[in-house]
Amino acid sequence: MYFCIHMTITIDHAAGFCPGVRRAIKKAEDELGKSDEFFSYGSILHNDSEMHRLEDKGLSIASKDDLEKLGGKKLLIRAHGEPPETYKHLEKIGVEVVDATCAVVRRIQQQVSRAADDMNKVNGQLLIFGRKEHPEVIGLAGNAKGMALILESKDELDIVDLSRPIRLFSQTTMDADQYLFISDTIQKGVREQQEEPDFIRYDSICRHVTDRIPSLEEFAERSEVIIFVSGKESSNGKKLFNVCKDKNPKTFFISEPDELKREWFDGVGTVGISGAASTPQWLMENVARKIEEII
């Protein structure tokens, strides 16, 4: 907690890295401690400030087009995971994999693989609720052996064939209420169209996300102004920002301390600072210090 002459600034210590991101960063830092050359297959997390910190230590970001040049080198697979084809290709070209796939994501990938085998036997459908271009969804779909049908919102439910057996999964950071709505709608339709309903919804929303919401709602109500710190591309950040905004209309989204505006704090006595699962604590502390400077 930070105390100014006329203001109290509180950092939400429940915010910050989820276990999967924390593990991926530790693996990267461990490798960077051994060598001045280490690569990550895409950004480890959706936070430019933290990525710049790691890049300053020697981390390089590799794209798909870069892989052929990395034979004999080490490459981090980030917490989002990758489809099986990626691992096969990396082995073929001689890249040493440092696998930081989140344990939760790994479990869901395995469930998707088994469900795909089951659905293939009975002409069923395998559905994934998530963003088509999100790396986690690409990894999940890659484990579905060509059977994955991606739903980005409840408005796309008309593409589901309710007469067939169905298995439903979700990207770990999607909205739990929308996932439940999709599940309930499919279940109702399956019961209406199948004599022996065959539908299973998998519990694949990350509990680190869902468990944070009640405490975040309470945190948002305790201060007059909330500063929410997150990378602009973070799905988790967008979701949790909206949770704060719903509870406290004076919630402002920033990615860097320099984005703060002096007028947000006029006549304000209490400020709360929170962030996404990809927001480092040090960045929120820098935001607190910047607020002290500008008021």
Protein backbone atom coordinates (compact mmCIF):
# COMPACT_ATOMS: atom_id res chain seq x y z
CA MET A 1 0.00 0.00 0.00
CA TYR A 2 1.25 3.48 -0.90
CA PHE A 3 0.29 6.61 1.06
CA CYS A 4 0.40 10.08 -0.48
CA ILE A 5 -0.53 13.26 1.37
CA HIS A 6 -4.14 13.15 0.13
CA MET A 7 -4.41 9.66 -1.35
CA THR A 8 -4.11 5.96 -0.54
CA ILE A 9 -2.96 3.67 -3.37
CA THR A 10 -3.57 -0.07 -3.00
CA ILE A 11 -2.15 -2.79 -5.25
CA ASP A 12 -4.24 -5.92 -5.73
CA HIS A 13 -1.83 -8.65 -4.65
CA ALA A 14 -4.18 -11.31 -6.01
CA ALA A 15 -3.36 -9.91 -9.46
CA GLY A 16 -0.33 -10.85 -11.49
CA PHE A 17 1.07 -13.96 -13.09
CA CYS A 18 -0.97 -17.14 -13.11
CA PRO A 19 1.00 -20.34 -12.29
CA GLY A 20 1.37 -21.26 -15.97
CA VAL A 21 2.85 -17.90 -16.96
CA ARG A 22 5.05 -17.82 -13.85
CA ARG A 23 6.45 -21.25 -14.73
CA ALA A 24 7.13 -20.25 -18.35
CA ILE A 25 8.98 -17.10 -17.26
CA LYS A 26 11.05 -19.07 -14.74
CA LYS A 27 12.02 -21.59 -17.42
CA ALA A 28 13.05 -18.76 -19.73
CA GLU A 29 15.08 -17.03 -17.01
CA ASP A 30 16.76 -20.32 -16.04
CA GLU A 31 17.83 -20.90 -19.65
CA LEU A 32 18.98 -17.30 -20.05
CA GLY A 33 21.12 -17.79 -16.95
CA LYS A 34 22.96 -20.62 -18.72
CA SER A 35 23.32 -19.06 -22.15
CA ASP A 36 23.11 -15.68 -23.84
CA GLU A 37 21.04 -17.21 -26.66
CA PHE A 38 17.53 -18.57 -26.09
CA PHE A 39 14.37 -18.47 -28.18
CA SER A 40 10.63 -18.46 -27.49
CA TYR A 41 8.10 -19.63 -30.06
CA GLY A 42 6.02 -16.45 -29.97
CA SER A 43 5.66 -14.05 -27.04
CA ILE A 44 5.56 -15.80 -23.69
CA LEU A 45 2.79 -13.49 -22.50
CA HIS A 46 0.67 -10.57 -23.69
CA ASN A 47 2.58 -7.90 -21.82
CA ASP A 48 5.08 -5.75 -23.70
CA SER A 49 6.83 -4.47 -20.58
CA GLU A 50 7.62 -7.94 -19.28
CA MET A 51 8.63 -9.16 -22.73
CA HIS A 52 11.03 -6.22 -23.10
CA ARG A 53 12.56 -7.16 -19.73
CA LEU A 54 13.14 -10.74 -20.93
CA GLU A 55 14.45 -9.58 -24.29
CA ASP A 56 16.95 -7.35 -22.48
CA LYS A 57 18.21 -10.54 -20.78
CA GLY A 58 18.76 -12.15 -24.20
CA LEU A 59 15.45 -13.76 -25.14
CA SER A 60 14.63 -13.78 -28.86
CA ILE A 61 11.14 -14.31 -30.26
CA ALA A 62 10.92 -16.85 -33.07
CA SER A 63 8.12 -17.03 -35.63
CA LYS A 64 7.13 -20.02 -37.73
CA ASP A 65 9.33 -18.71 -40.54
CA ASP A 66 12.35 -18.67 -38.21
CA LEU A 67 12.18 -22.31 -37.13
CA GLU A 68 14.30 -23.75 -39.94
CA LYS A 69 17.23 -21.61 -38.77
CA LEU A 70 17.11 -22.91 -35.18
CA GLY A 71 18.54 -26.40 -35.61
CA GLY A 72 20.66 -27.28 -32.58
CA LYS A 73 19.25 -24.41 -30.54
CA LYS A 74 16.80 -24.31 -27.62
CA LEU A 75 13.23 -23.11 -28.09
CA LEU A 76 10.60 -22.44 -25.42
CA ILE A 77 7.05 -23.64 -25.98
CA ARG A 78 4.98 -21.10 -24.06
CA ALA A 79 2.14 -21.81 -21.59
CA HIS A 80 -0.49 -21.70 -24.36
CA GLY A 81 0.86 -24.98 -25.74
CA GLU A 82 1.25 -26.17 -29.33
CA PRO A 83 -0.34 -28.81 -31.58
CA PRO A 84 1.46 -32.18 -31.92
CA GLU A 85 2.64 -31.27 -35.43
CA THR A 86 4.81 -28.51 -33.99
CA TYR A 87 6.70 -30.93 -31.75
CA LYS A 88 7.21 -33.37 -34.61
CA HIS A 89 8.57 -30.64 -36.86
CA LEU A 90 10.92 -29.30 -34.18
CA GLU A 91 12.29 -32.78 -33.55
CA LYS A 92 12.79 -33.29 -37.29
CA ILE A 93 14.84 -30.11 -37.71
CA GLY A 94 16.88 -30.67 -34.55
CA VAL A 95 15.46 -28.00 -32.25
CA GLU A 96 15.70 -28.73 -28.52
CA VAL A 97 12.31 -28.03 -26.92
CA VAL A 98 11.93 -26.46 -23.49
CA ASP A 99 8.27 -27.17 -22.85
CA ALA A 100 6.43 -24.66 -20.65
CA THR A 101 2.91 -25.72 -21.61
CA CYS A 102 0.58 -24.92 -18.70
CA ALA A 103 -0.41 -28.05 -16.74
CA VAL A 104 -4.09 -27.15 -17.11
CA VAL A 105 -3.74 -26.69 -20.87
CA ARG A 106 -1.81 -29.97 -21.15
CA ARG A 107 -4.60 -31.83 -19.36
CA ILE A 108 -7.23 -30.34 -21.68
CA GLN A 109 -5.14 -31.21 -24.75
CA GLN A 110 -5.08 -34.84 -23.60
CA GLN A 111 -8.83 -34.81 -22.99
CA VAL A 112 -9.40 -33.33 -26.46
CA SER A 113 -7.29 -36.06 -28.03
CA ARG A 114 -9.25 -38.84 -26.30
CA ALA A 115 -12.58 -37.18 -27.06
CA ALA A 116 -11.63 -36.88 -30.73
CA ASP A 117 -10.99 -40.62 -30.88
CA ASP A 118 -14.36 -41.30 -29.23
CA MET A 119 -16.29 -38.92 -31.49
CA ASN A 120 -14.62 -40.31 -34.60
CA LYS A 121 -16.04 -43.75 -33.78
CA VAL A 122 -19.64 -42.50 -33.48
CA ASN A 123 -19.72 -39.68 -36.08
CA GLY A 124 -19.84 -37.13 -33.26
CA GLN A 125 -18.83 -33.48 -33.03
CA LEU A 126 -16.01 -31.96 -30.98
CA LEU A 127 -16.61 -28.30 -30.14
CA ILE A 128 -14.15 -25.76 -28.75
CA PHE A 129 -15.43 -22.43 -27.41
CA GLY A 130 -12.67 -19.90 -28.00
CA ARG A 131 -10.98 -17.46 -30.35
CA LYS A 132 -9.94 -19.17 -33.58
CA GLU A 133 -6.60 -17.34 -33.80
CA HIS A 134 -5.67 -17.72 -30.13
CA PRO A 135 -2.54 -19.90 -29.75
CA GLU A 136 -4.16 -22.04 -27.05
CA VAL A 137 -7.13 -22.82 -29.29
CA ILE A 138 -4.79 -23.65 -32.18
CA GLY A 139 -3.02 -26.09 -29.87
CA LEU A 140 -6.27 -27.66 -28.67
CA ALA A 141 -7.61 -27.97 -32.20
CA GLY A 142 -4.34 -29.60 -33.25
CA ASN A 143 -5.00 -32.36 -30.73
CA ALA A 144 -8.50 -32.94 -32.15
CA LYS A 145 -7.19 -34.75 -35.24
CA GLY A 146 -9.13 -32.60 -37.69
CA MET A 147 -12.44 -32.88 -35.83
CA ALA A 148 -12.53 -29.52 -34.00
CA LEU A 149 -15.35 -27.08 -34.65
CA ILE A 150 -14.57 -23.67 -33.13
CA LEU A 151 -17.32 -21.50 -31.61
CA GLU A 152 -16.28 -17.92 -30.90
CA SER A 153 -19.59 -16.91 -29.30
CA LYS A 154 -23.05 -18.15 -28.42
CA ASP A 155 -24.29 -16.55 -31.64
CA GLU A 156 -22.65 -19.36 -33.64
CA LEU A 157 -24.61 -22.21 -32.07
CA ASP A 158 -26.60 -22.74 -35.26
CA ILE A 159 -23.61 -24.61 -36.75
CA VAL A 160 -23.92 -27.37 -34.13
CA ASP A 161 -25.62 -30.60 -35.24
CA LEU A 162 -27.66 -31.52 -32.18
CA SER A 163 -28.58 -34.91 -33.61
CA ARG A 164 -25.00 -36.17 -33.16
CA PRO A 165 -22.95 -37.02 -30.03
CA ILE A 166 -21.13 -33.90 -28.82
CA ARG A 167 -18.10 -33.12 -26.66
CA LEU A 168 -17.60 -29.48 -25.62
CA PHE A 169 -14.39 -27.77 -24.48
CA SER A 170 -13.38 -24.16 -23.87
CA GLN A 171 -10.30 -22.01 -24.15
CA THR A 172 -9.19 -21.60 -20.53
CA THR A 173 -9.66 -17.81 -20.44
CA MET A 174 -13.14 -17.55 -21.96
CA ASP A 175 -16.15 -16.19 -20.08
CA ALA A 176 -17.51 -18.87 -17.75
CA ASP A 177 -21.10 -17.61 -17.91
CA GLN A 178 -21.12 -17.67 -21.71
CA TYR A 179 -19.60 -21.17 -21.67
CA LEU A 180 -22.35 -22.34 -19.32
CA PHE A 181 -25.02 -20.77 -21.56
CA ILE A 182 -23.58 -22.55 -24.61
CA SER A 183 -23.45 -25.82 -22.70
CA ASP A 184 -27.00 -25.53 -21.37
CA THR A 185 -28.35 -24.64 -24.83
CA ILE A 186 -26.62 -27.62 -26.46
CA GLN A 187 -27.71 -29.96 -23.69
CA LYS A 188 -31.34 -28.90 -24.07
CA GLY A 189 -31.19 -29.37 -27.85
CA VAL A 190 -29.52 -32.78 -27.55
CA ARG A 191 -32.23 -33.97 -25.16
CA GLU A 192 -34.89 -32.87 -27.63
CA GLN A 193 -33.28 -34.49 -30.68
CA GLN A 194 -31.61 -37.66 -29.35
CA GLU A 195 -33.36 -40.67 -27.86
CA GLU A 196 -30.28 -41.41 -25.77
CA PRO A 197 -28.63 -38.00 -25.26
CA ASP A 198 -24.85 -38.12 -25.68
CA PHE A 199 -23.31 -34.82 -24.60
CA ILE A 200 -20.38 -34.05 -22.29
CA ARG A 201 -19.11 -30.60 -21.32
CA TYR A 202 -15.56 -30.53 -19.98
CA ASP A 203 -14.58 -28.25 -17.11
CA SER A 204 -11.92 -26.36 -19.05
CA ILE A 205 -12.18 -22.76 -17.82
CA CYS A 206 -9.07 -22.02 -15.74
CA ARG A 207 -9.93 -21.79 -12.05
CA HIS A 208 -7.28 -19.12 -11.57
CA VAL A 209 -9.53 -16.93 -13.75
CA THR A 210 -12.90 -17.85 -12.24
CA ASP A 211 -11.64 -17.82 -8.64
CA ARG A 212 -10.27 -14.30 -9.07
CA ILE A 213 -13.55 -12.73 -10.10
CA PRO A 214 -15.28 -12.48 -6.67
CA SER A 215 -12.18 -10.99 -5.00
CA LEU A 216 -11.63 -8.64 -7.95
CA GLU A 217 -15.23 -7.41 -7.74
CA GLU A 218 -14.74 -6.69 -4.05
CA PHE A 219 -11.40 -4.96 -4.72
CA ALA A 220 -12.96 -2.76 -7.42
CA GLU A 221 -15.61 -1.51 -5.01
CA ARG A 222 -13.12 -0.54 -2.28
CA SER A 223 -11.49 2.36 -4.15
CA GLU A 224 -12.87 5.44 -5.87
CA VAL A 225 -10.72 4.84 -8.96
CA ILE A 226 -9.31 1.59 -10.35
CA ILE A 227 -6.31 1.47 -12.68
CA PHE A 228 -6.30 -1.85 -14.54
CA VAL A 229 -2.91 -2.75 -16.02
CA SER A 230 -2.70 -5.24 -18.87
CA GLY A 231 -1.35 -5.88 -22.32
CA LYS A 232 -3.87 -4.84 -24.95
CA GLU A 233 -3.88 -8.31 -26.56
CA SER A 234 -4.56 -10.24 -23.36
CA SER A 235 -7.90 -12.11 -23.41
CA ASN A 236 -7.71 -12.48 -19.65
CA GLY A 237 -6.98 -8.76 -19.28
CA LYS A 238 -9.99 -7.71 -21.35
CA LYS A 239 -12.25 -9.99 -19.33
CA LEU A 240 -11.02 -8.87 -15.91
CA PHE A 241 -11.05 -5.19 -16.90
CA ASN A 242 -14.76 -5.54 -17.70
CA VAL A 243 -15.31 -7.21 -14.31
CA CYS A 244 -13.79 -4.13 -12.64
CA LYS A 245 -15.64 -1.69 -14.89
CA ASP A 246 -18.99 -3.31 -14.09
CA LYS A 247 -18.38 -2.79 -10.37
CA ASN A 248 -16.64 0.57 -10.60
CA PRO A 249 -17.34 2.86 -13.59
CA LYS A 250 -14.19 4.83 -12.76
CA THR A 251 -11.97 2.00 -13.96
CA PHE A 252 -9.27 2.89 -16.50
CA PHE A 253 -7.26 0.51 -18.70
CA ILE A 254 -3.55 1.13 -19.25
CA SER A 255 -0.59 -0.91 -20.45
CA GLU A 256 2.20 1.44 -19.32
CA PRO A 257 2.55 4.00 -16.50
CA ASP A 258 2.96 6.80 -19.06
CA GLU A 259 -0.66 6.26 -20.16
CA LEU A 260 -1.98 7.61 -16.84
CA LYS A 261 -3.91 10.90 -17.00
CA ARG A 262 -3.76 13.46 -14.18
CA GLU A 263 -7.47 14.29 -14.43
CA TRP A 264 -8.47 10.74 -13.46
CA PHE A 265 -7.38 11.51 -9.89
CA ASP A 266 -8.90 14.95 -9.30
CA GLY A 267 -10.60 14.95 -5.90
CA VAL A 268 -9.88 11.24 -5.41
CA GLY A 269 -8.76 9.83 -2.06
CA THR A 270 -8.40 6.11 -2.82
CA VAL A 271 -6.97 4.35 -5.88
CA GLY A 272 -6.74 0.61 -6.52
CA ILE A 273 -4.34 -0.98 -9.01
CA SER A 274 -5.04 -4.41 -10.45
CA GLY A 275 -4.03 -6.42 -13.49
CA ALA A 276 -4.30 -9.53 -15.62
CA ALA A 277 -2.73 -12.97 -15.27
CA SER A 278 0.07 -11.68 -17.50
CA THR A 279 0.73 -8.45 -15.57
CA PRO A 280 3.92 -8.44 -13.46
CA GLN A 281 3.78 -7.08 -9.92
CA TRP A 282 6.76 -4.82 -10.65
CA LEU A 283 4.74 -3.07 -13.37
CA MET A 284 1.83 -2.39 -11.01
CA GLU A 285 4.32 -1.00 -8.48
CA ASN A 286 5.72 1.29 -11.18
CA VAL A 287 2.17 2.48 -11.90
CA ALA A 288 1.72 3.30 -8.20
CA ARG A 289 4.93 5.34 -8.18
CA LYS A 290 3.89 7.16 -11.36
CA ILE A 291 0.56 8.12 -9.77
CA GLU A 292 2.48 9.56 -6.81
CA GLU A 293 4.54 11.65 -9.24
CA ILE A 294 1.67 13.15 -11.22
CA ILE A 295 -0.85 14.02 -8.51
